[in-house]
Amino acid sequence: MPATSRHDAVFAAVDLGATSGRVITGRAGPGTLLLTEAHRFPNTPVRLPDGLRWDVLALYQGVLDGLRAAGRQGPVTSIGIDTWAVDYGLLDADGALLGLPFHYRDGRNGAAAARVLARCGAQELYAVSGLQHLAFNTVFQLAAHRSTAQWRAARKLLLMPDLLVHWLTGSMGAEITNASTTGLFDARSGTWSDALINRLGLERSLFPPLREPGDPAGTLLPHVAQFTGLPSRTPVTTVASHDTASAVAAVPASEPGFAYVSCGTWSLAGLELDAPVLSDRSRAANFTNERGVDGTVRYLRNIMGMWLLEECRRAWDQEGTAPSLAELLDDAARARPFTAILDPDDAAFLAPGDMPARIDAFLVRTGQTPPDSPGGYVRCVLESLALAHRRTLRQAAELAGRDLTRIHLVGGGSRNELLCQWTADATGLPVTAGPAEATALGNILLQARAHGLVGDLADMRRLVARTQDLRHYSPRADQRDWDRAAARLEGR
């Protein structure tokens, strides 16, 4: 891709999360990395008679509105799209979408996962894909989908960011960082696993060609250009379309022993490696090997992150008793430490619903007393997340043979000072918090690199460190208190 003028390049990052979407414009170059939010819109799932679905048509309209708003700010050099992982749309022979995509929190996947494992054992799956066992992995969702008329009509499968790219450009592909989360990707070779696809009786033609971050994905279709006001020659550039992969690309790390926590609805905690860890011990510990930028491996575990707090706040709001977030955090800071500890990854917390009641049920079941105030619930959630970060990163370091020197906590959770400080206290490691907009930054930096405006991954990270607001936390509590809390949880 030809180099672009350093003075007029503006990149549009479409960044879709589990609860909202944004279109953000950015400028990137030597000493410059600036973001401006052009448009924000809700991401509200819909529950249909057959299950929980994503309203992808509303999301696409939000993307179009956002691109039109971005164009009003000035010429757009390129567009990149990132979203969450694992979910997909099925297209028929005419390229039409066969129903709204299922939401990964839908309850259909548990029985399907058991059927897949009966046909292709957990050891075989892990030896090829290196993927953490989660009931909503794409490979299990496909098994749940196969008995439907939609499946029988399907001719192509596009993961969520690839579906949106297709609607903008007409081209079909599978970006590699997101493809690596399906359970049908070979972690060693970096290709679709024909062996697993055949073993599970899937049609190889469903899966489109793979794309790397930086690859061109096409230009805007005429009707898209007309609606957005952008020139039809505007390119869509492949970025790290799994939002966590874009976020990790923007981790402002310089030291080799860094760990990261990309903290939003989920906490993705792990290490950046040169090769996957596919041992039986790694599988037993339920670690995942997902593709990162430039052939790196994101060796991590999914932890149920700020979802717990978001769902508590939603329940309190429905009751009309919701304090502000600032009030909740102040109350949590004053609450008694370690009164109650939970396991964020307990299956009871996955689906939407009354989260305070579910926390109460978990605590009663484990012989603990539920909190008596919203601040107590928040303290319970944040201390439990800090302990989960500690447990996960220590396991990752042991399994990968690494020594850790620092944790980089990025994403929306980096704004939560209690979580950052308690993660430092629990782990005994310094924490660098920020950038909060790591995903959008990674998206824009990868576009800028494709256009010749920034250098390699290390150069991108140095630019983030020089230009973004970062905060630093040193361990300050007696770690024996955290050791005792961890022992309580592990002993249950």
Protein backbone atom coordinates (compact mmCIF):
# COMPACT_ATOMS: atom_id res chain seq x y z
CA MET A 1 0.00 0.00 0.00
CA PRO A 2 1.54 3.38 -0.95
CA ALA A 3 2.75 5.77 1.71
CA THR A 4 0.31 8.54 2.67
CA SER A 5 1.03 12.17 3.48
CA ARG A 6 1.83 12.54 7.16
CA HIS A 7 -0.18 15.75 7.41
CA ASP A 8 -3.61 14.84 6.07
CA ALA A 9 -4.06 11.13 6.92
CA VAL A 10 -7.19 10.51 9.01
CA PHE A 11 -8.15 6.93 9.86
CA ALA A 12 -11.62 5.78 10.92
CA ALA A 13 -11.75 2.98 13.49
CA VAL A 14 -15.04 1.10 13.79
CA ASP A 15 -14.90 -0.44 17.26
CA LEU A 16 -17.84 -2.59 18.33
CA GLY A 17 -18.10 -3.86 21.88
CA ALA A 18 -20.65 -5.99 23.68
CA THR A 19 -22.77 -3.03 24.82
CA SER A 20 -21.94 -0.19 22.43
CA GLY A 21 -20.23 0.70 19.19
CA ARG A 22 -18.15 3.70 18.23
CA VAL A 23 -16.58 5.20 15.15
CA ILE A 24 -13.41 7.01 16.14
CA THR A 25 -11.16 9.04 13.88
CA GLY A 26 -7.44 9.20 14.51
CA ARG A 27 -4.23 10.74 13.26
CA ALA A 28 -1.00 8.81 13.69
CA GLY A 29 2.59 9.59 12.78
CA PRO A 30 5.94 10.36 14.39
CA GLY A 31 5.09 11.96 17.75
CA THR A 32 1.37 12.14 16.93
CA LEU A 33 -1.46 9.88 18.04
CA LEU A 34 -4.77 11.67 18.46
CA LEU A 35 -8.30 10.25 18.69
CA THR A 36 -11.69 11.93 18.23
CA GLU A 37 -15.00 10.16 18.77
CA ALA A 38 -17.21 10.75 15.73
CA HIS A 39 -20.25 8.69 16.71
CA ARG A 40 -21.41 6.33 19.44
CA PHE A 41 -24.41 4.01 19.33
CA PRO A 42 -25.88 1.24 21.52
CA ASN A 43 -25.44 -2.46 20.94
CA THR A 44 -28.65 -4.00 22.26
CA PRO A 45 -29.20 -7.74 21.69
CA VAL A 46 -32.70 -8.99 20.94
CA ARG A 47 -34.30 -12.12 22.35
CA LEU A 48 -36.25 -13.95 19.65
CA PRO A 49 -38.27 -17.16 20.07
CA ASP A 50 -35.23 -19.22 19.04
CA GLY A 51 -32.68 -17.47 21.22
CA LEU A 52 -30.59 -14.39 21.94
CA ARG A 53 -29.41 -12.62 18.78
CA TRP A 54 -27.29 -9.62 17.82
CA ASP A 55 -29.20 -6.83 16.08
CA VAL A 56 -26.51 -6.64 13.41
CA LEU A 57 -28.68 -4.49 11.12
CA ALA A 58 -28.87 -1.77 13.77
CA LEU A 59 -25.12 -2.12 14.31
CA TYR A 60 -24.46 -1.75 10.59
CA GLN A 61 -26.65 1.35 10.46
CA GLY A 62 -24.65 2.74 13.38
CA VAL A 63 -21.44 2.05 11.45
CA LEU A 64 -22.78 3.87 8.39
CA ASP A 65 -23.94 6.84 10.47
CA GLY A 66 -20.54 6.90 12.16
CA LEU A 67 -18.65 6.89 8.88
CA ARG A 68 -20.81 9.73 7.63
CA ALA A 69 -20.00 11.67 10.82
CA ALA A 70 -16.30 10.88 10.38
CA GLY A 71 -16.42 12.19 6.82
CA ARG A 72 -17.80 15.49 8.06
CA GLN A 73 -14.60 15.94 10.09
CA GLY A 74 -12.45 15.79 6.95
CA PRO A 75 -11.18 13.34 4.33
CA VAL A 76 -10.94 9.74 5.57
CA THR A 77 -7.80 7.91 4.43
CA SER A 78 -8.88 4.41 5.47
CA ILE A 79 -11.41 2.45 7.53
CA GLY A 80 -10.72 -0.49 9.88
CA ILE A 81 -13.19 -2.66 11.81
CA ASP A 82 -12.78 -4.60 15.06
CA THR A 83 -15.39 -6.40 17.17
CA TRP A 84 -15.66 -9.14 19.75
CA ALA A 85 -14.76 -12.70 18.74
CA VAL A 86 -16.46 -16.08 18.06
CA ASP A 87 -19.84 -14.91 16.69
CA TYR A 88 -20.66 -15.11 13.00
CA GLY A 89 -23.24 -14.71 10.25
CA LEU A 90 -24.22 -17.32 7.68
CA LEU A 91 -24.72 -16.27 4.06
CA ASP A 92 -26.67 -18.09 1.36
CA ALA A 93 -25.59 -18.67 -2.25
CA ASP A 94 -26.66 -15.12 -3.17
CA GLY A 95 -24.62 -13.63 -0.33
CA ALA A 96 -27.70 -12.77 1.74
CA LEU A 97 -27.54 -13.03 5.53
CA LEU A 98 -29.51 -15.98 6.92
CA GLY A 99 -31.04 -14.49 10.06
CA LEU A 100 -29.54 -12.37 12.80
CA PRO A 101 -26.31 -13.82 14.26
CA PHE A 102 -26.62 -15.64 17.56
CA HIS A 103 -25.22 -14.00 20.69
CA TYR A 104 -22.44 -15.95 22.39
CA ARG A 105 -24.33 -15.70 25.71
CA ASP A 106 -27.27 -17.66 24.26
CA GLY A 107 -27.96 -20.85 26.17
CA ARG A 108 -27.89 -23.21 23.17
CA ASN A 109 -24.18 -24.03 23.27
CA GLY A 110 -23.65 -26.32 26.27
CA ALA A 111 -25.17 -29.49 24.81
CA ALA A 112 -23.54 -28.80 21.44
CA ALA A 113 -20.11 -28.57 23.07
CA ALA A 114 -20.62 -32.03 24.57
CA ARG A 115 -21.49 -33.43 21.14
CA VAL A 116 -18.35 -31.97 19.57
CA LEU A 117 -16.13 -33.34 22.34
CA ALA A 118 -17.70 -36.77 21.94
CA ARG A 119 -16.65 -36.74 18.29
CA CYS A 120 -13.33 -34.95 18.63
CA GLY A 121 -11.84 -35.15 22.10
CA ALA A 122 -10.70 -32.17 24.14
CA GLN A 123 -7.05 -33.20 23.79
CA GLU A 124 -7.25 -33.39 20.01
CA LEU A 125 -9.02 -30.03 19.77
CA TYR A 126 -6.47 -28.35 21.99
CA ALA A 127 -3.49 -29.95 20.28
CA VAL A 128 -4.55 -28.28 17.03
CA SER A 129 -6.32 -25.06 17.99
CA GLY A 130 -4.76 -24.38 21.41
CA LEU A 131 -8.05 -22.78 22.41
CA GLN A 132 -9.45 -22.34 25.90
CA HIS A 133 -12.57 -24.44 26.40
CA LEU A 134 -15.51 -22.06 26.41
CA ALA A 135 -18.98 -23.32 25.54
CA PHE A 136 -19.51 -20.39 23.17
CA ASN A 137 -16.44 -21.04 21.00
CA THR A 138 -17.44 -20.92 17.34
CA VAL A 139 -16.82 -24.63 16.83
CA PHE A 140 -19.49 -25.41 19.44
CA GLN A 141 -21.91 -22.77 18.15
CA LEU A 142 -21.72 -24.36 14.71
CA ALA A 143 -22.69 -27.72 16.17
CA ALA A 144 -25.74 -26.06 17.74
CA HIS A 145 -26.64 -24.46 14.40
CA ARG A 146 -26.37 -27.56 12.20
CA SER A 147 -29.91 -28.85 12.71
CA THR A 148 -31.50 -25.67 11.32
CA ALA A 149 -32.80 -24.69 7.88
CA GLN A 150 -30.43 -21.72 7.98
CA TRP A 151 -27.47 -24.07 8.17
CA ARG A 152 -28.70 -26.15 5.25
CA ALA A 153 -28.90 -23.01 3.12
CA ALA A 154 -25.52 -21.62 4.25
CA ARG A 155 -22.70 -21.28 1.74
CA LYS A 156 -20.32 -18.95 3.58
CA LEU A 157 -19.50 -18.14 7.22
CA LEU A 158 -18.26 -14.65 8.10
CA LEU A 159 -17.19 -13.64 11.60
CA MET A 160 -18.75 -10.40 12.80
CA PRO A 161 -16.07 -7.93 11.65
CA ASP A 162 -15.69 -9.76 8.35
CA LEU A 163 -19.46 -9.56 7.79
CA LEU A 164 -19.38 -5.78 8.21
CA VAL A 165 -16.35 -5.50 5.91
CA HIS A 166 -18.29 -7.55 3.34
CA TRP A 167 -21.26 -5.21 3.53
CA LEU A 168 -18.99 -2.17 3.08
CA THR A 169 -16.87 -3.57 0.23
CA GLY A 170 -18.46 -6.70 -1.22
CA SER A 171 -15.30 -8.71 -0.49
CA MET A 172 -15.11 -11.82 1.70
CA GLY A 173 -12.24 -12.84 3.94
CA ALA A 174 -11.42 -14.02 7.46
CA GLU A 175 -9.04 -11.86 9.47
CA ILE A 176 -6.54 -14.09 11.21
CA THR A 177 -6.69 -12.83 14.84
CA ASN A 178 -10.45 -13.41 14.92
CA ALA A 179 -10.26 -16.67 12.95
CA SER A 180 -7.92 -17.99 15.65
CA THR A 181 -10.76 -17.83 18.20
CA THR A 182 -13.04 -20.23 16.32
CA GLY A 183 -11.52 -23.55 17.42
CA LEU A 184 -11.04 -24.45 13.75
CA PHE A 185 -7.71 -22.69 13.26
CA ASP A 186 -4.32 -24.41 13.46
CA ALA A 187 -2.32 -22.60 16.14
CA ARG A 188 1.00 -23.85 14.74
CA SER A 189 0.58 -23.29 11.01
CA GLY A 190 -1.58 -20.16 11.20
CA THR A 191 -4.12 -21.59 8.73
CA TRP A 192 -7.60 -23.06 8.84
CA SER A 193 -7.36 -26.62 10.14
CA ASP A 194 -8.64 -28.78 7.31
CA ALA A 195 -8.18 -31.81 9.59
CA LEU A 196 -10.58 -30.47 12.25
CA ILE A 197 -13.04 -29.10 9.69
CA ASN A 198 -13.21 -32.48 7.98
CA ARG A 199 -13.29 -34.41 11.25
CA LEU A 200 -16.35 -32.47 12.36
CA GLY A 201 -18.12 -32.89 9.03
CA LEU A 202 -18.07 -29.20 8.09
CA GLU A 203 -17.85 -27.90 4.55
CA ARG A 204 -14.42 -26.39 3.89
CA SER A 205 -15.99 -23.96 1.42
CA LEU A 206 -17.80 -22.23 4.31
CA PHE A 207 -14.54 -20.68 5.48
CA PRO A 208 -13.17 -17.77 3.42
CA PRO A 209 -9.50 -17.02 2.72
CA LEU A 210 -7.47 -15.67 5.64
CA ARG A 211 -6.28 -12.08 5.85
CA GLU A 212 -3.49 -10.55 7.93
CA PRO A 213 -3.66 -7.16 9.66
CA GLY A 214 -2.55 -4.60 7.11
CA ASP A 215 -3.98 -6.43 4.10
CA PRO A 216 -6.31 -4.40 1.85
CA ALA A 217 -9.93 -5.56 2.11
CA GLY A 218 -11.42 -3.52 -0.74
CA THR A 219 -13.01 -0.13 -1.29
CA LEU A 220 -16.48 1.16 -0.52
CA LEU A 221 -19.40 -0.05 -2.59
CA PRO A 222 -21.17 2.74 -4.53
CA HIS A 223 -24.29 2.78 -2.32
CA VAL A 224 -22.12 2.88 0.83
CA ALA A 225 -20.13 5.78 -0.57
CA GLN A 226 -23.32 7.61 -1.48
CA PHE A 227 -24.84 7.20 2.00
CA THR A 228 -21.70 8.09 3.95
CA GLY A 229 -20.52 10.86 1.65
CA LEU A 230 -17.09 9.21 1.44
CA PRO A 231 -15.38 8.65 -1.92
CA SER A 232 -15.97 5.19 -3.38
CA ARG A 233 -12.18 4.75 -3.61
CA THR A 234 -11.90 4.93 0.22
CA PRO A 235 -10.07 1.75 1.25
CA VAL A 236 -11.06 -0.61 4.03
CA THR A 237 -7.86 -1.88 5.64
CA THR A 238 -7.72 -5.17 7.52
CA VAL A 239 -6.77 -4.53 11.15
CA ALA A 240 -6.50 -6.93 14.10
CA SER A 241 -10.26 -7.39 13.98
CA HIS A 242 -10.50 -9.21 17.30
CA ASP A 243 -10.75 -6.23 19.63
CA THR A 244 -8.37 -7.78 22.15
CA ALA A 245 -5.71 -8.26 19.47
CA SER A 246 -5.96 -4.57 18.55
CA ALA A 247 -5.80 -3.65 22.24
CA VAL A 248 -2.68 -5.77 22.83
CA ALA A 249 -1.02 -4.13 19.80
CA ALA A 250 -1.43 -0.81 21.64
CA VAL A 251 0.00 -2.00 24.98
CA PRO A 252 2.74 0.58 25.73
CA ALA A 253 5.30 -2.03 26.77
CA SER A 254 9.05 -1.86 26.27
CA GLU A 255 10.30 -4.53 28.69
CA PRO A 256 10.32 -8.23 27.65
CA GLY A 257 8.68 -9.53 30.85
CA PHE A 258 5.39 -7.72 30.53
CA ALA A 259 1.94 -9.16 31.07
CA TYR A 260 -1.30 -7.52 30.01
CA VAL A 261 -4.89 -7.34 31.14
CA SER A 262 -7.30 -5.99 28.55
CA CYS A 263 -10.16 -5.13 30.83
CA GLY A 264 -13.67 -4.29 29.72
CA THR A 265 -16.75 -6.51 29.72
CA TRP A 266 -14.19 -9.32 29.82
CA SER A 267 -10.75 -9.31 31.39
CA LEU A 268 -8.30 -10.93 28.97
CA ALA A 269 -5.18 -11.60 31.00
CA GLY A 270 -2.01 -13.08 29.60
CA LEU A 271 1.32 -12.83 27.82
CA GLU A 272 2.58 -12.15 24.32
CA LEU A 273 4.62 -15.13 23.04
CA ASP A 274 6.46 -16.11 19.89
CA ALA A 275 4.91 -19.60 19.76
CA PRO A 276 1.83 -21.36 21.20
CA VAL A 277 1.91 -23.40 24.40
CA LEU A 278 0.02 -26.62 23.60
CA SER A 279 0.98 -28.84 26.52
CA ASP A 280 -1.48 -30.94 28.50
CA ARG A 281 -0.81 -28.73 31.52
CA SER A 282 -1.78 -25.68 29.50
CA ARG A 283 -4.99 -27.38 28.36
CA ALA A 284 -5.83 -28.45 31.92
CA ALA A 285 -5.32 -24.86 33.09
CA ASN A 286 -7.68 -23.74 30.26
CA PHE A 287 -5.36 -21.24 28.59
CA THR A 288 -5.91 -20.09 25.05
CA ASN A 289 -3.45 -19.46 22.22
CA GLU A 290 -4.89 -16.78 19.97
CA ARG A 291 -3.15 -15.05 17.11
CA GLY A 292 -1.72 -11.59 17.60
CA VAL A 293 -0.13 -9.08 15.27
CA ASP A 294 2.95 -10.13 13.26
CA GLY A 295 2.64 -13.82 14.09
CA THR A 296 2.69 -13.34 17.85
CA VAL A 297 0.56 -15.48 20.15
CA ARG A 298 -1.79 -14.05 22.74
CA TYR A 299 -1.48 -16.62 25.51
CA LEU A 300 -4.30 -15.77 27.87
CA ARG A 301 -7.44 -16.69 29.72
CA ASN A 302 -10.86 -15.09 29.46
CA ILE A 303 -12.03 -13.85 32.84
CA MET A 304 -15.57 -12.56 33.39
CA GLY A 305 -14.58 -8.91 33.76
CA MET A 306 -16.51 -5.70 34.36
CA TRP A 307 -19.62 -7.54 33.12
CA LEU A 308 -20.27 -8.44 36.75
CA LEU A 309 -20.31 -4.79 37.80
CA GLU A 310 -22.24 -3.68 34.69
CA GLU A 311 -24.96 -6.24 35.37
CA CYS A 312 -25.16 -5.26 39.05
CA ARG A 313 -25.62 -1.64 38.07
CA ARG A 314 -28.28 -2.60 35.52
CA ALA A 315 -30.22 -4.52 38.20
CA TRP A 316 -30.01 -1.61 40.64
CA ASP A 317 -31.08 0.81 37.91
CA GLN A 318 -34.16 -1.29 37.17
CA GLU A 319 -35.01 -1.15 40.87
CA GLY A 320 -34.53 2.61 40.85
CA THR A 321 -31.78 2.37 43.50
CA ALA A 322 -28.63 2.81 41.39
CA PRO A 323 -26.00 5.12 42.87
CA SER A 324 -23.56 6.76 40.45
CA LEU A 325 -20.40 4.87 39.60
CA ALA A 326 -18.34 7.41 41.54
CA GLU A 327 -20.52 6.86 44.63
CA LEU A 328 -20.26 3.09 44.24
CA LEU A 329 -16.46 3.22 44.04
CA ASP A 330 -16.23 5.54 47.05
CA ASP A 331 -18.43 3.17 49.04
CA ALA A 332 -16.37 0.19 47.85
CA ALA A 333 -13.14 1.85 48.99
CA ARG A 334 -14.63 2.25 52.49
CA ALA A 335 -16.15 -1.23 52.68
CA ARG A 336 -14.49 -3.91 54.78
CA PRO A 337 -11.82 -5.82 52.77
CA PHE A 338 -12.26 -9.47 51.79
CA THR A 339 -15.67 -9.85 53.37
CA ALA A 340 -16.77 -11.96 50.41
CA ILE A 341 -14.80 -13.43 47.49
CA LEU A 342 -16.22 -15.02 44.36
CA ASP A 343 -14.95 -16.83 41.30
CA PRO A 344 -15.71 -14.51 38.33
CA ASP A 345 -15.60 -17.48 35.95
CA ASP A 346 -18.41 -19.41 37.60
CA ALA A 347 -20.93 -20.37 34.89
CA ALA A 348 -23.75 -18.78 36.90
CA PHE A 349 -22.45 -15.34 35.96
CA LEU A 350 -22.36 -15.78 32.16
CA ALA A 351 -25.93 -15.01 31.08
CA PRO A 352 -27.66 -11.63 31.48
CA GLY A 353 -29.86 -11.34 34.55
CA ASP A 354 -30.08 -10.30 38.19
CA MET A 355 -26.38 -10.28 39.04
CA PRO A 356 -26.68 -9.29 42.74
CA ALA A 357 -28.99 -12.28 43.29
CA ARG A 358 -26.55 -14.57 41.50
CA ILE A 359 -23.67 -13.27 43.60
CA ASP A 360 -25.75 -13.88 46.74
CA ALA A 361 -26.44 -17.45 45.62
CA PHE A 362 -22.76 -18.12 44.95
CA LEU A 363 -21.71 -16.70 48.32
CA VAL A 364 -24.34 -18.65 50.26
CA ARG A 365 -23.39 -21.82 48.39
CA THR A 366 -19.73 -21.28 49.39
CA GLY A 367 -20.48 -20.49 53.03
CA GLN A 368 -20.06 -16.72 52.83
CA THR A 369 -22.29 -13.84 53.85
CA PRO A 370 -23.57 -11.65 51.00
CA PRO A 371 -22.77 -7.92 51.14
CA ASP A 372 -25.29 -5.60 52.76
CA SER A 373 -24.79 -2.59 50.47
CA PRO A 374 -24.07 -1.81 46.80
CA GLY A 375 -20.57 -0.69 47.77
CA GLY A 376 -19.99 -4.08 49.36
CA TYR A 377 -20.95 -5.83 46.12
CA VAL A 378 -18.59 -3.61 44.15
CA ARG A 379 -15.74 -4.34 46.56
CA CYS A 380 -16.46 -8.07 46.30
CA VAL A 381 -16.40 -7.91 42.49
CA LEU A 382 -13.24 -5.80 42.20
CA GLU A 383 -11.24 -7.74 44.80
CA SER A 384 -12.31 -10.98 43.10
CA LEU A 385 -11.20 -9.67 39.70
CA ALA A 386 -7.83 -8.64 41.13
CA LEU A 387 -7.41 -12.16 42.53
CA ALA A 388 -8.39 -13.65 39.16
CA HIS A 389 -5.77 -11.46 37.45
CA ARG A 390 -3.19 -12.69 39.95
CA ARG A 391 -4.08 -16.37 39.54
CA THR A 392 -4.21 -16.21 35.74
CA LEU A 393 -0.98 -14.29 35.20
CA ARG A 394 0.99 -16.44 37.63
CA GLN A 395 -0.24 -19.59 35.88
CA ALA A 396 0.54 -18.15 32.45
CA ALA A 397 4.08 -17.24 33.49
CA GLU A 398 4.70 -20.69 34.94
CA LEU A 399 3.31 -22.54 31.91
CA ALA A 400 5.21 -20.37 29.44
CA GLY A 401 8.45 -20.31 31.45
CA ARG A 402 8.43 -16.54 31.82
CA ASP A 403 9.37 -14.14 34.61
CA LEU A 404 6.99 -11.19 34.95
CA THR A 405 8.19 -7.65 35.63
CA ARG A 406 5.12 -5.47 35.01
CA ILE A 407 1.42 -5.63 34.22
CA HIS A 408 -0.13 -3.35 31.61
CA LEU A 409 -3.83 -2.90 32.29
CA VAL A 410 -5.58 -1.38 29.26
CA GLY A 411 -9.16 -0.77 28.19
CA GLY A 412 -12.06 0.76 30.08
CA GLY A 413 -11.07 -0.99 33.32
CA SER A 414 -7.84 1.04 33.38
CA ARG A 415 -9.93 4.04 34.52
CA ASN A 416 -10.94 2.14 37.67
CA GLU A 417 -8.31 3.15 40.21
CA LEU A 418 -9.41 0.58 42.77
CA LEU A 419 -9.08 -2.28 40.31
CA CYS A 420 -5.67 -1.08 39.16
CA GLN A 421 -4.32 -0.64 42.68
CA TRP A 422 -5.78 -3.94 43.92
CA THR A 423 -4.32 -5.76 40.90
CA ALA A 424 -0.89 -4.36 41.86
CA ASP A 425 -1.45 -5.32 45.50
CA ALA A 426 -2.69 -8.83 44.70
CA THR A 427 0.10 -9.66 42.25
CA GLY A 428 2.95 -7.82 43.94
CA LEU A 429 3.83 -6.31 40.56
CA PRO A 430 3.76 -2.72 39.32
CA VAL A 431 0.78 -1.90 37.13
CA THR A 432 0.78 0.62 34.30
CA ALA A 433 -2.81 1.65 33.57
CA GLY A 434 -3.85 2.88 30.14
CA PRO A 435 -4.57 3.64 27.50
CA ALA A 436 -8.30 3.29 28.07
CA GLU A 437 -8.89 3.43 24.30
CA ALA A 438 -6.35 0.73 23.52
CA THR A 439 -8.57 -1.10 21.02
CA ALA A 440 -9.27 1.98 18.90
CA LEU A 441 -5.60 2.99 19.11
CA GLY A 442 -4.45 -0.42 17.92
CA ASN A 443 -6.98 -0.31 15.08
CA ILE A 444 -5.76 3.10 13.93
CA LEU A 445 -2.07 2.29 14.36
CA LEU A 446 -2.39 -0.80 12.19
CA GLN A 447 -4.08 1.25 9.48
CA ALA A 448 -1.36 3.90 9.78
CA ARG A 449 1.35 1.24 9.51
CA ALA A 450 -0.27 -0.15 6.36
CA HIS A 451 -0.08 3.36 4.92
CA GLY A 452 3.58 3.81 5.84
CA LEU A 453 3.14 6.31 8.67
CA VAL A 454 4.45 4.26 11.61
CA GLY A 455 6.96 1.46 11.94
CA ASP A 456 6.89 -1.99 13.48
CA LEU A 457 5.04 -3.22 16.56
CA ALA A 458 7.74 -1.91 18.92
CA ASP A 459 7.56 1.49 17.22
CA MET A 460 3.78 1.54 17.59
CA ARG A 461 4.08 0.80 21.30
CA ARG A 462 6.69 3.49 21.83
CA LEU A 463 4.37 5.97 20.17
CA VAL A 464 1.53 4.98 22.53
CA ALA A 465 3.83 5.37 25.55
CA ARG A 466 4.94 8.85 24.41
CA THR A 467 1.52 10.25 23.57
CA GLN A 468 -1.10 8.67 25.84
CA ASP A 469 -2.09 9.32 29.43
CA LEU A 470 -0.68 6.50 31.58
CA ARG A 471 -0.84 6.01 35.34
CA HIS A 472 1.42 3.84 37.46
CA TYR A 473 0.54 1.81 40.57
CA SER A 474 3.01 0.17 42.92
CA PRO A 475 2.06 -2.65 45.32
CA ARG A 476 1.39 -1.13 48.71
CA ALA A 477 -0.72 -3.57 50.74
CA ASP A 478 0.41 -6.49 52.85
CA GLN A 479 0.34 -9.30 50.30
CA ARG A 480 -0.39 -11.83 53.03
CA ASP A 481 -3.97 -10.52 53.13
CA TRP A 482 -4.30 -11.32 49.42
CA ASP A 483 -2.67 -14.70 49.95
CA ARG A 484 -5.26 -15.57 52.60
CA ALA A 485 -8.11 -14.39 50.38
CA ALA A 486 -6.81 -16.47 47.49
CA ALA A 487 -6.49 -19.51 49.74
CA ARG A 488 -10.10 -19.09 50.88
CA LEU A 489 -11.34 -19.11 47.29
CA GLU A 490 -9.09 -21.96 46.14
CA GLY A 491 -10.09 -24.07 49.14
CA ARG A 492 -13.78 -24.02 48.29
